[in-house]
């Protein structure tokens, strides 16, 4: 069962807090972002994978209904509103459910279960119809030869490719796939960023964004909310990762804390 990525959109901070609190009780759901306007939500959808959106209807500038209608590709939607008369409009956009404020946890849980069943069923169906992708088998270790650096094995197509940890520059999440950038090139494997990090030394690799993890040894500088790697690549630091990334990098002495 994969994690369901959620976006909360409501112009009332208190309403956002209620849904955030409910979602935090359910391990299957993960909050990608919280927005107080449809415009901010649009920007999130352009840059993040979102499976489920909790969307208020009555918002300034652009209503939740009009916002969904404007999207070419949209996630599953659960509407939230204090106005019962908007219920029929939910059918126009094929909303998964309709939650009337104030939302009880019992009613919220019912909607969340419905979303979980639908999203997981769709993903299972898609995985059966997609061509078989290269699998990744992560195995780490060191040789009895003390001069050989630590390494991992990645299964790329039909080959087990040995990759020295010191050669890895950064890794990019591609939903169910992973692109590994090394000093010798790049490779794509069927693996998740979370899973591969469990097999790598945490004092050498760190996640900086929902889509990126880097080798701490390859950091050249931090500029604003971006990390500059030694190969010149600039990667964004996600909002939720900013403090831990900067603290970790500074503590490693990679750059002065100034």
Protein backbone atom coordinates (compact mmCIF):
# COMPACT_ATOMS: atom_id res chain seq x y z
CA UNK A 1 0.00 0.00 0.00
CA UNK A 2 1.55 3.26 -1.13
CA UNK A 3 1.36 6.60 0.67
CA UNK A 4 -1.45 8.88 -0.48
CA UNK A 5 -0.17 12.40 -1.11
CA UNK A 6 -2.64 15.06 0.06
CA UNK A 7 -3.14 18.76 -0.62
CA UNK A 8 -5.33 20.89 1.68
CA UNK A 9 -6.89 24.02 0.16
CA UNK A 10 -8.97 26.37 2.31
CA UNK A 11 -8.94 30.12 2.93
CA UNK A 12 -9.60 29.54 6.66
CA UNK A 13 -6.47 28.57 8.64
CA UNK A 14 -8.59 26.92 11.33
CA UNK A 15 -10.29 24.68 8.75
CA UNK A 16 -6.87 23.68 7.40
CA UNK A 17 -5.74 22.84 10.92
CA UNK A 18 -8.72 20.52 11.48
CA UNK A 19 -8.04 18.48 8.32
CA UNK A 20 -4.30 18.48 9.01
CA UNK A 21 -4.94 17.10 12.48
CA UNK A 22 -7.20 14.36 11.13
CA UNK A 23 -4.74 13.34 8.42
CA UNK A 24 -1.89 13.11 10.90
CA UNK A 25 -3.78 10.34 12.69
CA UNK A 26 -3.80 8.20 9.52
CA UNK A 27 -0.42 6.71 8.60
CA UNK A 28 -1.39 6.06 4.98
CA UNK A 29 -1.86 9.76 4.22
CA UNK A 30 0.88 12.36 3.82
CA UNK A 31 0.37 16.11 3.52
CA UNK A 32 2.24 17.58 0.56
CA UNK A 33 1.18 21.19 1.11
CA UNK A 34 -1.44 23.47 2.66
CA UNK A 35 -2.77 26.42 0.64
CA UNK A 36 -5.13 29.30 1.39
CA UNK A 37 -6.01 30.03 -2.25
CA UNK A 38 -6.64 28.22 -5.51
CA UNK A 39 -3.70 30.06 -7.09
CA UNK A 40 -1.26 28.67 -4.52
CA UNK A 41 -2.78 25.22 -4.96
CA UNK A 42 -2.31 25.44 -8.72
CA UNK A 43 1.40 26.09 -8.26
CA UNK A 44 1.72 23.11 -5.93
CA UNK A 45 0.01 20.82 -8.45
CA UNK A 46 2.51 21.87 -11.11
CA UNK A 47 5.48 20.80 -8.98
CA UNK A 48 4.31 18.03 -6.66
CA UNK A 49 2.60 14.67 -7.01
CA UNK A 50 -0.83 14.94 -5.40
CA UNK A 51 -3.24 12.01 -5.15
CA UNK A 52 -5.99 13.62 -3.10
CA UNK A 53 -7.09 17.23 -2.63
CA UNK A 54 -9.27 18.45 0.25
CA UNK A 55 -10.82 21.52 -1.32
CA UNK A 56 -13.00 24.28 0.14
CA UNK A 57 -15.69 25.50 -2.26
CA UNK A 58 -16.34 29.07 -1.14
CA UNK A 59 -13.01 30.86 -1.62
CA UNK A 60 -12.22 34.40 -2.87
CA UNK A 61 -11.13 35.07 -6.47
CA UNK A 62 -11.72 31.50 -7.63
CA UNK A 63 -14.14 29.01 -6.13
CA UNK A 64 -13.13 25.43 -5.53
CA UNK A 65 -15.55 24.22 -8.21
CA UNK A 66 -14.19 26.62 -10.85
CA UNK A 67 -10.64 25.73 -9.84
CA UNK A 68 -11.18 22.02 -10.45
CA UNK A 69 -12.88 22.73 -13.77
CA UNK A 70 -9.80 24.67 -14.88
CA UNK A 71 -7.44 21.74 -14.31
CA UNK A 72 -6.52 19.50 -17.24
CA UNK A 73 -5.18 16.80 -14.94
CA UNK A 74 -6.59 16.70 -11.46
CA UNK A 75 -6.22 14.52 -8.37
CA UNK A 76 -9.16 12.95 -6.58
CA UNK A 77 -11.16 15.67 -4.82
CA UNK A 78 -13.00 15.74 -1.50
CA UNK A 79 -14.98 18.96 -1.18
CA UNK A 80 -15.27 20.77 2.15
CA UNK A 81 -17.75 23.56 2.80
CA UNK A 82 -20.02 25.13 5.39
CA UNK A 83 -22.83 25.45 2.84
CA UNK A 84 -25.04 22.45 2.21
CA UNK A 85 -26.49 23.99 -0.98
CA UNK A 86 -23.21 23.41 -2.85
CA UNK A 87 -23.54 19.63 -2.67
CA UNK A 88 -25.00 19.29 -6.16
CA UNK A 89 -22.07 21.18 -7.68
CA UNK A 90 -19.78 18.43 -6.43
CA UNK A 91 -21.36 16.04 -8.91
CA UNK A 92 -20.36 18.34 -11.78
CA UNK A 93 -16.67 17.77 -11.06
CA UNK A 94 -17.01 14.11 -10.02
CA UNK A 95 -15.93 14.86 -6.46
CA UNK A 96 -15.14 11.77 -4.45
CA UNK A 97 -17.00 13.02 -1.38
CA UNK A 98 -18.54 16.11 0.20
CA UNK A 99 -17.76 17.07 3.80
CA UNK A 100 -19.96 19.59 5.57
CA UNK A 101 -18.28 21.82 8.16
CA UNK A 102 -17.80 21.43 11.06
CA UNK A 103 -16.32 18.09 10.02
CA UNK A 104 -16.38 15.27 12.56
CA UNK A 105 -13.53 12.78 12.60
CA UNK A 106 -15.98 9.91 12.07
CA UNK A 107 -17.31 11.47 8.87
CA UNK A 108 -13.80 12.40 7.77
CA UNK A 109 -12.60 8.84 8.28
CA UNK A 110 -15.40 7.52 6.08
CA UNK A 111 -14.31 9.83 3.26
CA UNK A 112 -10.64 8.96 3.77
CA UNK A 113 -11.39 5.24 3.54
CA UNK A 114 -13.32 5.78 0.33
CA UNK A 115 -10.37 7.72 -1.11
CA UNK A 116 -7.88 5.06 -0.02
CA UNK A 117 -9.82 2.24 -1.67
CA UNK A 118 -10.27 4.13 -4.94
CA UNK A 119 -6.70 5.41 -5.24
CA UNK A 120 -5.11 2.07 -4.34
CA UNK A 121 -7.39 0.23 -6.77
CA UNK A 122 -6.44 2.60 -9.58
CA UNK A 123 -2.73 2.22 -8.85
CA UNK A 124 -3.00 -1.56 -8.78
CA UNK A 125 -4.81 -1.53 -12.13
CA UNK A 126 -2.20 0.79 -13.67
CA UNK A 127 0.69 -1.37 -12.47
CA UNK A 128 -0.81 -4.40 -14.23
CA UNK A 129 -1.12 -2.60 -17.55
CA UNK A 130 2.30 -0.91 -17.52
CA UNK A 131 5.34 -2.67 -19.02
CA UNK A 132 7.64 -4.30 -16.53
CA UNK A 133 10.25 -1.82 -15.40
CA UNK A 134 13.84 -2.35 -14.29
CA UNK A 135 13.94 -3.47 -10.68
CA UNK A 136 16.37 -2.19 -8.12
CA UNK A 137 18.00 -4.44 -5.61
CA UNK A 138 19.95 -2.48 -3.07
CA UNK A 139 22.83 -4.23 -1.38
CA UNK A 140 25.54 -2.39 0.44
CA UNK A 141 28.83 -3.44 1.88
CA UNK A 142 32.57 -3.25 1.68
CA UNK A 143 35.11 -5.60 0.24
CA UNK A 144 37.59 -7.53 2.32
CA UNK A 145 40.06 -5.35 0.52
CA UNK A 146 40.20 -2.34 2.84
CA UNK A 147 41.10 -0.08 -0.08
CA UNK A 148 37.77 -0.64 -1.82
CA UNK A 149 35.20 2.05 -0.92
CA UNK A 150 31.65 1.23 0.28
CA UNK A 151 29.21 0.39 -2.51
CA UNK A 152 25.67 -0.64 -3.37
CA UNK A 153 24.29 -2.90 -6.06
CA UNK A 154 21.47 -1.59 -8.25
CA UNK A 155 19.60 -3.91 -10.57
CA UNK A 156 19.33 -2.07 -13.87
CA UNK A 157 17.44 -4.06 -16.48
CA UNK A 158 19.09 -7.49 -16.28
CA UNK A 159 22.38 -6.41 -14.75
CA UNK A 160 23.46 -5.92 -11.17
CA UNK A 161 25.43 -2.70 -11.34
CA UNK A 162 27.95 -2.00 -8.60
CA UNK A 163 27.96 1.68 -7.62
CA UNK A 164 30.47 3.17 -5.21
CA UNK A 165 28.77 5.45 -2.69
CA UNK A 166 31.40 8.10 -3.30
CA UNK A 167 30.30 8.25 -6.96
CA UNK A 168 26.67 9.08 -6.20
CA UNK A 169 25.92 12.79 -6.60
CA UNK A 170 22.16 12.89 -6.10
CA UNK A 171 18.96 10.94 -6.63
CA UNK A 172 15.67 12.06 -8.12
CA UNK A 173 12.29 10.51 -7.38
CA UNK A 174 10.11 9.76 -10.40
CA UNK A 175 7.06 8.51 -8.52
CA UNK A 176 7.62 4.72 -8.53
CA UNK A 177 11.03 5.05 -10.17
CA UNK A 178 14.35 6.52 -9.16
CA UNK A 179 17.00 8.24 -11.26
CA UNK A 180 20.46 7.94 -9.72
CA UNK A 181 23.03 10.49 -10.89
CA UNK A 182 26.65 9.43 -10.49
CA UNK A 183 30.01 10.70 -11.62
CA UNK A 184 29.89 8.00 -14.31
CA UNK A 185 26.44 8.79 -15.66
CA UNK A 186 22.88 8.12 -14.62
CA UNK A 187 20.53 5.15 -14.32
CA UNK A 188 16.82 4.64 -13.77
CA UNK A 189 15.54 1.86 -11.53
CA UNK A 190 12.16 0.79 -10.18
CA UNK A 191 12.67 1.88 -6.59
CA UNK A 192 11.57 4.64 -4.24
CA UNK A 193 13.65 7.42 -2.75
CA UNK A 194 12.50 6.56 0.77
CA UNK A 195 13.49 2.91 0.42
CA UNK A 196 16.96 3.50 -1.01
CA UNK A 197 17.77 6.00 1.74
CA UNK A 198 17.07 3.26 4.27
CA UNK A 199 19.99 1.37 2.74
CA UNK A 200 22.43 4.28 2.57
CA UNK A 201 24.49 5.78 5.44
CA UNK A 202 22.42 8.58 6.96
CA UNK A 203 25.54 10.55 7.76
CA UNK A 204 26.42 10.67 4.04
CA UNK A 205 23.06 11.10 2.29
CA UNK A 206 20.11 13.35 3.09
CA UNK A 207 16.72 14.08 1.61
CA UNK A 208 16.34 17.76 0.74
CA UNK A 209 13.01 17.69 -1.09
CA UNK A 210 10.16 15.32 -1.80
CA UNK A 211 11.86 14.60 -5.12
CA UNK A 212 15.57 14.81 -4.27
CA UNK A 213 18.23 13.33 -2.01
CA UNK A 214 21.89 14.27 -2.18
CA UNK A 215 25.32 13.12 -1.12
CA UNK A 216 26.55 15.44 1.60
CA UNK A 217 30.08 15.05 0.26
CA UNK A 218 28.96 16.55 -3.05
CA UNK A 219 27.60 19.80 -1.58
CA UNK A 220 29.41 22.93 -2.68
CA UNK A 221 27.19 25.65 -1.22
CA UNK A 222 23.73 26.69 -0.06
CA UNK A 223 22.17 29.65 -1.83
CA UNK A 224 18.81 30.70 -0.43
CA UNK A 225 16.61 27.62 -0.53
CA UNK A 226 18.80 25.79 -3.01
CA UNK A 227 21.76 23.44 -2.73
CA UNK A 228 24.61 23.81 -5.18
CA UNK A 229 26.41 20.55 -5.88
CA UNK A 230 30.05 20.26 -6.90
CA UNK A 231 29.03 19.47 -10.48
CA UNK A 232 27.24 22.84 -10.64
CA UNK A 233 23.73 21.38 -10.35
CA UNK A 234 21.28 23.49 -8.32
CA UNK A 235 18.54 21.61 -6.47
CA UNK A 236 15.63 23.06 -4.46
CA UNK A 237 15.30 22.53 -0.73
CA UNK A 238 11.69 21.68 0.11
CA UNK A 239 9.96 23.87 2.68
CA UNK A 240 9.57 20.99 5.13
CA UNK A 241 13.24 20.04 4.84
CA UNK A 242 14.91 23.47 5.05
CA UNK A 243 15.88 23.55 8.71
CA UNK A 244 17.14 19.97 9.01
CA UNK A 245 19.08 20.25 5.73
CA UNK A 246 20.86 23.43 6.74
CA UNK A 247 21.57 22.18 10.26
CA UNK A 248 22.96 18.90 8.94
CA UNK A 249 25.16 20.48 6.31
CA UNK A 250 26.51 23.09 8.71
CA UNK A 251 27.20 20.47 11.38
CA UNK A 252 29.22 18.44 8.89
CA UNK A 253 31.51 21.38 8.35
CA UNK A 254 30.77 21.38 4.65
CA UNK A 255 30.26 25.12 4.76
CA UNK A 256 30.45 27.78 7.52
CA UNK A 257 27.27 28.58 9.41
CA UNK A 258 26.94 32.22 8.49
